[in-house]
PDB file of N, CA and C in Angstrom:
ATOM      1  N   MET A   1       0.773 -49.002  22.589  1.00  0.00           N
ATOM      2  CA  MET A   1       1.260 -48.751  23.884  1.00  0.00           C
ATOM      3  C   MET A   1       1.310 -49.979  24.798  1.00  0.00           C
ATOM      4  N   ASP A   2       2.239 -50.133  25.636  1.00  0.00           N
ATOM      5  CA  ASP A   2       2.338 -51.298  26.397  1.00  0.00           C
ATOM      6  C   ASP A   2       1.677 -51.260  27.791  1.00  0.00           C
ATOM      7  N   GLY A   3       1.127 -50.032  28.053  1.00  0.00           N
ATOM      8  CA  GLY A   3       0.518 -49.819  29.413  1.00  0.00           C
ATOM      9  C   GLY A   3       1.349 -49.053  30.341  1.00  0.00           C
ATOM     10  N   LYS A   4       2.677 -49.130  30.241  1.00  0.00           N
ATOM     11  CA  LYS A   4       3.597 -48.494  31.228  1.00  0.00           C
ATOM     12  C   LYS A   4       3.683 -47.074  30.616  1.00  0.00           C
ATOM     13  N   GLY A   5       3.304 -46.049  31.531  1.00  0.00           N
ATOM     14  CA  GLY A   5       3.428 -44.614  31.084  1.00  0.00           C
ATOM     15  C   GLY A   5       2.416 -44.236  30.153  1.00  0.00           C
ATOM     16  N   ARG A   6       1.413 -45.044  29.944  1.00  0.00           N
ATOM     17  CA  ARG A   6       0.330 -44.612  28.978  1.00  0.00           C
ATOM     18  C   ARG A   6      -0.397 -43.320  29.334  1.00  0.00           C
ATOM     19  N   PHE A   7      -0.526 -43.090  30.678  1.00  0.00           N
ATOM     20  CA  PHE A   7      -1.335 -41.949  30.997  1.00  0.00           C
ATOM     21  C   PHE A   7      -0.412 -40.645  30.693  1.00  0.00           C
ATOM     22  N   LEU A   8       1.036 -40.772  30.859  1.00  0.00           N
ATOM     23  CA  LEU A   8       1.842 -39.732  30.480  1.00  0.00           C
ATOM     24  C   LEU A   8       1.813 -39.369  29.010  1.00  0.00           C
ATOM     25  N   ASP A   9       1.726 -40.494  28.227  1.00  0.00           N
ATOM     26  CA  ASP A   9       1.649 -40.144  26.764  1.00  0.00           C
ATOM     27  C   ASP A   9       0.390 -39.380  26.406  1.00  0.00           C
ATOM     28  N   ASN A  10      -0.722 -39.689  27.153  1.00  0.00           N
ATOM     29  CA  ASN A  10      -2.048 -39.033  26.947  1.00  0.00           C
ATOM     30  C   ASN A  10      -1.932 -37.550  27.208  1.00  0.00           C
ATOM     31  N   ILE A  11      -1.233 -37.131  28.222  1.00  0.00           N
ATOM     32  CA  ILE A  11      -1.075 -35.784  28.645  1.00  0.00           C
ATOM     33  C   ILE A  11      -0.489 -34.929  27.432  1.00  0.00           C
ATOM     34  N   PHE A  12       0.537 -35.448  26.731  1.00  0.00           N
ATOM     35  CA  PHE A  12       1.170 -34.709  25.714  1.00  0.00           C
ATOM     36  C   PHE A  12       0.193 -34.589  24.415  1.00  0.00           C
ATOM     37  N   ILE A  13      -0.570 -35.617  24.314  1.00  0.00           N
ATOM     38  CA  ILE A  13      -1.403 -35.639  23.106  1.00  0.00           C
ATOM     39  C   ILE A  13      -2.588 -34.558  23.389  1.00  0.00           C
ATOM     40  N   GLU A  14      -3.179 -34.626  24.607  1.00  0.00           N
ATOM     41  CA  GLU A  14      -4.224 -33.750  25.005  1.00  0.00           C
ATOM     42  C   GLU A  14      -3.778 -32.302  24.927  1.00  0.00           C
ATOM     43  N   ARG A  15      -2.446 -32.000  25.374  1.00  0.00           N
ATOM     44  CA  ARG A  15      -1.901 -30.716  25.180  1.00  0.00           C
ATOM     45  C   ARG A  15      -1.832 -30.232  23.784  1.00  0.00           C
ATOM     46  N   LEU A  16      -1.434 -31.117  22.923  1.00  0.00           N
ATOM     47  CA  LEU A  16      -1.231 -30.781  21.446  1.00  0.00           C
ATOM     48  C   LEU A  16      -2.658 -30.455  20.857  1.00  0.00           C
ATOM     49  N   TRP A  17      -3.774 -31.319  21.132  1.00  0.00           N
ATOM     50  CA  TRP A  17      -5.004 -31.024  20.672  1.00  0.00           C
ATOM     51  C   TRP A  17      -5.620 -29.772  21.104  1.00  0.00           C
ATOM     52  N   ARG A  18      -5.405 -29.393  22.500  1.00  0.00           N
ATOM     53  CA  ARG A  18      -5.776 -28.113  23.002  1.00  0.00           C
ATOM     54  C   ARG A  18      -5.193 -26.973  22.255  1.00  0.00           C
ATOM     55  N   THR A  19      -3.861 -27.080  22.057  1.00  0.00           N
ATOM     56  CA  THR A  19      -3.183 -26.026  21.358  1.00  0.00           C
ATOM     57  C   THR A  19      -3.698 -25.855  19.932  1.00  0.00           C
ATOM     58  N   LEU A  20      -3.940 -26.887  19.236  1.00  0.00           N
ATOM     59  CA  LEU A  20      -4.516 -26.833  17.871  1.00  0.00           C
ATOM     60  C   LEU A  20      -5.807 -26.094  17.857  1.00  0.00           C
ATOM     61  N   LYS A  21      -6.624 -26.504  18.765  1.00  0.00           N
ATOM     62  CA  LYS A  21      -7.954 -25.977  18.907  1.00  0.00           C
ATOM     63  C   LYS A  21      -7.939 -24.574  19.059  1.00  0.00           C
ATOM     64  N   TYR A  22      -7.140 -23.962  20.053  1.00  0.00           N
ATOM     65  CA  TYR A  22      -7.169 -22.613  20.391  1.00  0.00           C
ATOM     66  C   TYR A  22      -6.319 -21.654  19.451  1.00  0.00           C
ATOM     67  N   GLU A  23      -5.402 -22.256  18.748  1.00  0.00           N
ATOM     68  CA  GLU A  23      -4.489 -21.524  17.878  1.00  0.00           C
ATOM     69  C   GLU A  23      -5.009 -21.602  16.479  1.00  0.00           C
ATOM     70  N   CYS A  24      -5.685 -22.514  16.117  1.00  0.00           N
ATOM     71  CA  CYS A  24      -6.091 -22.702  14.732  1.00  0.00           C
ATOM     72  C   CYS A  24      -7.606 -22.844  14.518  1.00  0.00           C
ATOM     73  N   VAL A  25      -8.239 -23.976  15.136  1.00  0.00           N
ATOM     74  CA  VAL A  25      -9.572 -24.262  14.780  1.00  0.00           C
ATOM     75  C   VAL A  25     -10.588 -23.264  15.175  1.00  0.00           C
ATOM     76  N   TYR A  26     -10.459 -22.785  16.425  1.00  0.00           N
ATOM     77  CA  TYR A  26     -11.429 -21.791  16.949  1.00  0.00           C
ATOM     78  C   TYR A  26     -11.348 -20.436  16.375  1.00  0.00           C
ATOM     79  N   LEU A  27     -10.276 -20.167  15.727  1.00  0.00           N
ATOM     80  CA  LEU A  27      -9.994 -18.793  15.097  1.00  0.00           C
ATOM     81  C   LEU A  27     -10.657 -18.675  13.586  1.00  0.00           C
ATOM     82  N   HIS A  28     -11.005 -19.738  13.085  1.00  0.00           N
ATOM     83  CA  HIS A  28     -11.396 -19.696  11.599  1.00  0.00           C
ATOM     84  C   HIS A  28     -12.776 -20.500  11.453  1.00  0.00           C
ATOM     85  N   ALA A  29     -13.416 -20.043  10.412  1.00  0.00           N
ATOM     86  CA  ALA A  29     -14.720 -20.682  10.038  1.00  0.00           C
ATOM     87  C   ALA A  29     -14.630 -21.198   8.576  1.00  0.00           C
ATOM     88  N   TRP A  30     -14.141 -22.357   8.237  1.00  0.00           N
ATOM     89  CA  TRP A  30     -13.897 -22.851   7.037  1.00  0.00           C
ATOM     90  C   TRP A  30     -15.212 -23.361   6.431  1.00  0.00           C
ATOM     91  N   GLU A  31     -15.230 -23.234   4.992  1.00  0.00           N
ATOM     92  CA  GLU A  31     -16.385 -23.697   4.360  1.00  0.00           C
ATOM     93  C   GLU A  31     -16.482 -25.079   4.111  1.00  0.00           C
ATOM     94  N   THR A  32     -15.393 -25.642   3.789  1.00  0.00           N
ATOM     95  CA  THR A  32     -15.386 -27.094   3.320  1.00  0.00           C
ATOM     96  C   THR A  32     -14.369 -27.900   4.169  1.00  0.00           C
ATOM     97  N   GLY A  33     -14.447 -29.234   4.081  1.00  0.00           N
ATOM     98  CA  GLY A  33     -13.580 -30.045   4.816  1.00  0.00           C
ATOM     99  C   GLY A  33     -12.113 -30.026   4.187  1.00  0.00           C
ATOM    100  N   SER A  34     -12.086 -29.810   2.867  1.00  0.00           N
ATOM    101  CA  SER A  34     -10.788 -29.643   2.365  1.00  0.00           C
ATOM    102  C   SER A  34     -10.009 -28.464   2.763  1.00  0.00           C
ATOM    103  N   GLU A  35     -10.688 -27.289   2.939  1.00  0.00           N
ATOM    104  CA  GLU A  35     -10.093 -26.161   3.484  1.00  0.00           C
ATOM    105  C   GLU A  35      -9.507 -26.342   4.898  1.00  0.00           C
ATOM    106  N   THR A  36     -10.407 -27.051   5.762  1.00  0.00           N
ATOM    107  CA  THR A  36     -10.025 -27.331   7.077  1.00  0.00           C
ATOM    108  C   THR A  36      -8.833 -28.244   7.055  1.00  0.00           C
ATOM    109  N   LYS A  37      -8.859 -29.254   6.240  1.00  0.00           N
ATOM    110  CA  LYS A  37      -7.676 -30.159   6.302  1.00  0.00           C
ATOM    111  C   LYS A  37      -6.392 -29.447   5.818  1.00  0.00           C
ATOM    112  N   ALA A  38      -6.468 -28.613   4.855  1.00  0.00           N
ATOM    113  CA  ALA A  38      -5.329 -27.861   4.367  1.00  0.00           C
ATOM    114  C   ALA A  38      -4.785 -26.843   5.484  1.00  0.00           C
ATOM    115  N   ALA A  39      -5.677 -26.249   6.174  1.00  0.00           N
ATOM    116  CA  ALA A  39      -5.377 -25.279   7.245  1.00  0.00           C
ATOM    117  C   ALA A  39      -4.698 -26.029   8.370  1.00  0.00           C
ATOM    118  N   ILE A  40      -5.241 -27.097   8.742  1.00  0.00           N
ATOM    119  CA  ILE A  40      -4.655 -27.809   9.912  1.00  0.00           C
ATOM    120  C   ILE A  40      -3.376 -28.515   9.545  1.00  0.00           C
ATOM    121  N   ARG A  41      -3.129 -28.880   8.187  1.00  0.00           N
ATOM    122  CA  ARG A  41      -1.784 -29.454   7.807  1.00  0.00           C
ATOM    123  C   ARG A  41      -0.832 -28.342   7.755  1.00  0.00           C
ATOM    124  N   LYS A  42      -1.176 -27.087   7.389  1.00  0.00           N
ATOM    125  CA  LYS A  42      -0.258 -25.840   7.395  1.00  0.00           C
ATOM    126  C   LYS A  42       0.019 -25.547   8.901  1.00  0.00           C
ATOM    127  N   TRP A  43      -0.930 -25.556   9.781  1.00  0.00           N
ATOM    128  CA  TRP A  43      -0.653 -25.415  11.264  1.00  0.00           C
ATOM    129  C   TRP A  43       0.319 -26.289  11.817  1.00  0.00           C
ATOM    130  N   MET A  44       0.132 -27.559  11.490  1.00  0.00           N
ATOM    131  CA  MET A  44       0.969 -28.646  12.063  1.00  0.00           C
ATOM    132  C   MET A  44       2.305 -28.498  11.538  1.00  0.00           C
ATOM    133  N   SER A  45       2.580 -28.141  10.394  1.00  0.00           N
ATOM    134  CA  SER A  45       3.890 -27.811   9.784  1.00  0.00           C
ATOM    135  C   SER A  45       4.541 -26.627  10.523  1.00  0.00           C
ATOM    136  N   PHE A  46       3.720 -25.583  10.702  1.00  0.00           N
ATOM    137  CA  PHE A  46       4.196 -24.462  11.603  1.00  0.00           C
ATOM    138  C   PHE A  46       4.611 -24.879  12.938  1.00  0.00           C
ATOM    139  N   TYR A  47       3.716 -25.581  13.579  1.00  0.00           N
ATOM    140  CA  TYR A  47       3.932 -26.094  14.967  1.00  0.00           C
ATOM    141  C   TYR A  47       5.386 -26.864  15.088  1.00  0.00           C
ATOM    142  N   ASN A  48       5.510 -27.719  14.160  1.00  0.00           N
ATOM    143  CA  ASN A  48       6.708 -28.620  14.178  1.00  0.00           C
ATOM    144  C   ASN A  48       8.066 -28.010  13.703  1.00  0.00           C
ATOM    145  N   HIS A  49       7.878 -27.071  12.809  1.00  0.00           N
ATOM    146  CA  HIS A  49       9.061 -26.500  12.144  1.00  0.00           C
ATOM    147  C   HIS A  49       9.439 -25.110  12.506  1.00  0.00           C
ATOM    148  N   GLN A  50       8.540 -24.435  12.974  1.00  0.00           N
ATOM    149  CA  GLN A  50       8.782 -22.831  13.107  1.00  0.00           C
ATOM    150  C   GLN A  50       8.429 -22.388  14.631  1.00  0.00           C
ATOM    151  N   ARG A  51       7.363 -22.843  15.225  1.00  0.00           N
ATOM    152  CA  ARG A  51       6.869 -22.425  16.497  1.00  0.00           C
ATOM    153  C   ARG A  51       7.809 -22.680  17.548  1.00  0.00           C
ATOM    154  N   PRO A  52       8.335 -21.641  18.309  1.00  0.00           N
ATOM    155  CA  PRO A  52       9.203 -22.043  19.449  1.00  0.00           C
ATOM    156  C   PRO A  52       8.463 -22.681  20.569  1.00  0.00           C
ATOM    157  N   HIS A  53       9.163 -23.539  21.318  1.00  0.00           N
ATOM    158  CA  HIS A  53       8.629 -24.238  22.367  1.00  0.00           C
ATOM    159  C   HIS A  53       9.375 -24.012  23.598  1.00  0.00           C
ATOM    160  N   SER A  54       8.868 -23.548  24.618  1.00  0.00           N
ATOM    161  CA  SER A  54       9.620 -23.203  25.891  1.00  0.00           C
ATOM    162  C   SER A  54      10.337 -24.451  26.478  1.00  0.00           C
ATOM    163  N   ALA A  55       9.717 -25.619  26.412  1.00  0.00           N
ATOM    164  CA  ALA A  55      10.322 -26.749  26.926  1.00  0.00           C
ATOM    165  C   ALA A  55      11.524 -27.162  26.150  1.00  0.00           C
ATOM    166  N   LEU A  56      11.795 -26.644  24.931  1.00  0.00           N
ATOM    167  CA  LEU A  56      12.850 -27.090  24.135  1.00  0.00           C
ATOM    168  C   LEU A  56      13.812 -25.925  23.983  1.00  0.00           C
ATOM    169  N   ASP A  57      13.833 -24.953  24.903  1.00  0.00           N
ATOM    170  CA  ASP A  57      14.638 -23.768  24.918  1.00  0.00           C
ATOM    171  C   ASP A  57      14.372 -22.842  23.727  1.00  0.00           C
ATOM    172  N   GLY A  58      13.170 -22.685  23.399  1.00  0.00           N
ATOM    173  CA  GLY A  58      12.767 -21.843  22.274  1.00  0.00           C
ATOM    174  C   GLY A  58      13.023 -22.365  20.856  1.00  0.00           C
ATOM    175  N   ARG A  59      13.265 -23.758  20.755  1.00  0.00           N
ATOM    176  CA  ARG A  59      13.549 -24.335  19.464  1.00  0.00           C
ATOM    177  C   ARG A  59      12.309 -25.162  19.104  1.00  0.00           C
ATOM    178  N   PRO A  60      12.104 -25.278  17.772  1.00  0.00           N
ATOM    179  CA  PRO A  60      10.892 -26.133  17.238  1.00  0.00           C
ATOM    180  C   PRO A  60      11.276 -27.521  17.426  1.00  0.00           C
ATOM    181  N   PRO A  61      10.213 -28.393  17.551  1.00  0.00           N
ATOM    182  CA  PRO A  61      10.422 -29.804  17.720  1.00  0.00           C
ATOM    183  C   PRO A  61      11.254 -30.407  16.640  1.00  0.00           C
ATOM    184  N   ALA A  62      10.986 -30.201  15.466  1.00  0.00           N
ATOM    185  CA  ALA A  62      11.657 -30.760  14.281  1.00  0.00           C
ATOM    186  C   ALA A  62      13.221 -30.498  14.363  1.00  0.00           C
ATOM    187  N   LEU A  63      13.633 -29.329  14.765  1.00  0.00           N
ATOM    188  CA  LEU A  63      14.974 -29.037  14.803  1.00  0.00           C
ATOM    189  C   LEU A  63      15.636 -29.858  16.036  1.00  0.00           C
ATOM    190  N   VAL A  64      15.001 -30.052  17.142  1.00  0.00           N
ATOM    191  CA  VAL A  64      15.502 -30.815  18.185  1.00  0.00           C
ATOM    192  C   VAL A  64      15.515 -32.248  17.814  1.00  0.00           C
ATOM    193  N   TYR A  65      14.566 -32.764  17.213  1.00  0.00           N
ATOM    194  CA  TYR A  65      14.528 -34.091  16.754  1.00  0.00           C
ATOM    195  C   TYR A  65      15.663 -34.500  15.814  1.00  0.00           C
ATOM    196  N   TRP A  66      15.892 -33.619  14.740  1.00  0.00           N
ATOM    197  CA  TRP A  66      16.945 -33.911  13.755  1.00  0.00           C
ATOM    198  C   TRP A  66      18.309 -33.827  14.415  1.00  0.00           C
ATOM    199  N   GLN A  67      18.454 -32.672  15.192  1.00  0.00           N
ATOM    200  CA  GLN A  67      19.790 -32.620  15.922  1.00  0.00           C
ATOM    201  C   GLN A  67      20.132 -33.803  16.762  1.00  0.00           C
ATOM    202  N   ARG A  68      19.125 -34.230  17.473  1.00  0.00           N
ATOM    203  CA  ARG A  68      19.223 -35.410  18.323  1.00  0.00           C
ATOM    204  C   ARG A  68      19.641 -36.654  17.515  1.00  0.00           C
ATOM    205  N   ASN A  69      19.046 -36.932  16.443  1.00  0.00           N
ATOM    206  CA  ASN A  69      19.254 -38.004  15.532  1.00  0.00           C
ATOM    207  C   ASN A  69      20.660 -37.917  14.963  1.00  0.00           C
ATOM    208  N   ASP A  70      20.986 -36.745  14.447  1.00  0.00           N
ATOM    209  CA  ASP A  70      22.274 -36.553  13.820  1.00  0.00           C
ATOM    210  C   ASP A  70      23.450 -36.849  14.754  1.00  0.00           C
ATOM    211  N   ILE A  71      23.329 -36.489  16.120  1.00  0.00           N
ATOM    212  CA  ILE A  71      24.344 -36.653  17.040  1.00  0.00           C
ATOM    213  C   ILE A  71      24.385 -38.117  17.446  1.00  0.00           C
ATOM    214  N   SER A  72      23.252 -38.800  17.636  1.00  0.00           N
ATOM    215  CA  SER A  72      23.274 -40.120  18.194  1.00  0.00           C
ATOM    216  C   SER A  72      23.649 -41.081  17.123  1.00  0.00           C
ATOM    217  N   LYS A  73      23.516 -40.842  15.842  1.00  0.00           N
ATOM    218  CA  LYS A  73      23.875 -41.759  14.758  1.00  0.00           C
ATOM    219  C   LYS A  73      24.796 -41.171  13.719  1.00  0.00           C
ATOM    220  N   PRO A  74      25.928 -40.785  14.034  1.00  0.00           N
ATOM    221  CA  PRO A  74      26.815 -40.187  13.162  1.00  0.00           C
ATOM    222  C   PRO A  74      27.285 -40.917  11.970  1.00  0.00           C
ATOM    223  N   ASP A  75      27.300 -42.324  12.048  1.00  0.00           N
ATOM    224  CA  ASP A  75      27.761 -43.145  11.029  1.00  0.00           C
ATOM    225  C   ASP A  75      26.771 -43.320   9.844  1.00  0.00           C
ATOM    226  N   GLN A  76      25.444 -42.908  10.003  1.00  0.00           N
ATOM    227  CA  GLN A  76      24.414 -42.944   8.950  1.00  0.00           C
ATOM    228  C   GLN A  76      24.502 -41.742   8.207  1.00  0.00           C
ATOM    229  N   ARG A  77      24.267 -41.996   6.807  1.00  0.00           N
ATOM    230  CA  ARG A  77      24.254 -40.781   5.771  1.00  0.00           C
ATOM    231  C   ARG A  77      22.846 -40.543   5.433  1.00  0.00           C
ATOM    232  N   VAL A  78      22.505 -39.359   5.263  1.00  0.00           N
ATOM    233  CA  VAL A  78      21.202 -38.946   4.768  1.00  0.00           C
ATOM    234  C   VAL A  78      21.278 -38.814   3.368  1.00  0.00           C
ATOM    235  N   GLN A  79      20.271 -39.550   2.812  1.00  0.00           N
ATOM    236  CA  GLN A  79      20.047 -39.581   1.257  1.00  0.00           C
ATOM    237  C   GLN A  79      19.123 -38.622   0.767  1.00  0.00           C
ATOM    238  N   LYS A  80      19.337 -37.645  -0.095  1.00  0.00           N
ATOM    239  CA  LYS A  80      18.533 -36.602  -0.601  1.00  0.00           C
ATOM    240  C   LYS A  80      18.021 -37.071  -1.918  1.00  0.00           C
ATOM    241  N   VAL A  81      16.677 -37.042  -2.114  1.00  0.00           N
ATOM    242  CA  VAL A  81      16.067 -37.307  -3.425  1.00  0.00           C
ATOM    243  C   VAL A  81      15.868 -36.124  -4.235  1.00  0.00           C
ATOM    244  N   ALA A  82      16.201 -36.047  -5.528  1.00  0.00           N
ATOM    245  CA  ALA A  82      16.182 -34.892  -6.267  1.00  0.00           C
ATOM    246  C   ALA A  82      14.712 -34.669  -6.684  1.00  0.00           C
TER     247      ALA A  82
END
């Protein structure tokens, strides 16, 4: 970060961590670190790809991100790996 708007960036990160704690961490009692890591990874995938966000008109962040990139860079092709 360059210092400009740094406090605004922190707001979004703090909000993400709060949501993670209340929707995932505080609801479970995992036995091992690997279980915790797998559950948080699963929740992060849900948060980014399925969970509706009111600030994004009920769409998940991944959908908004990819739609925005597809529109802004129409000349680039997406390569799919088999």
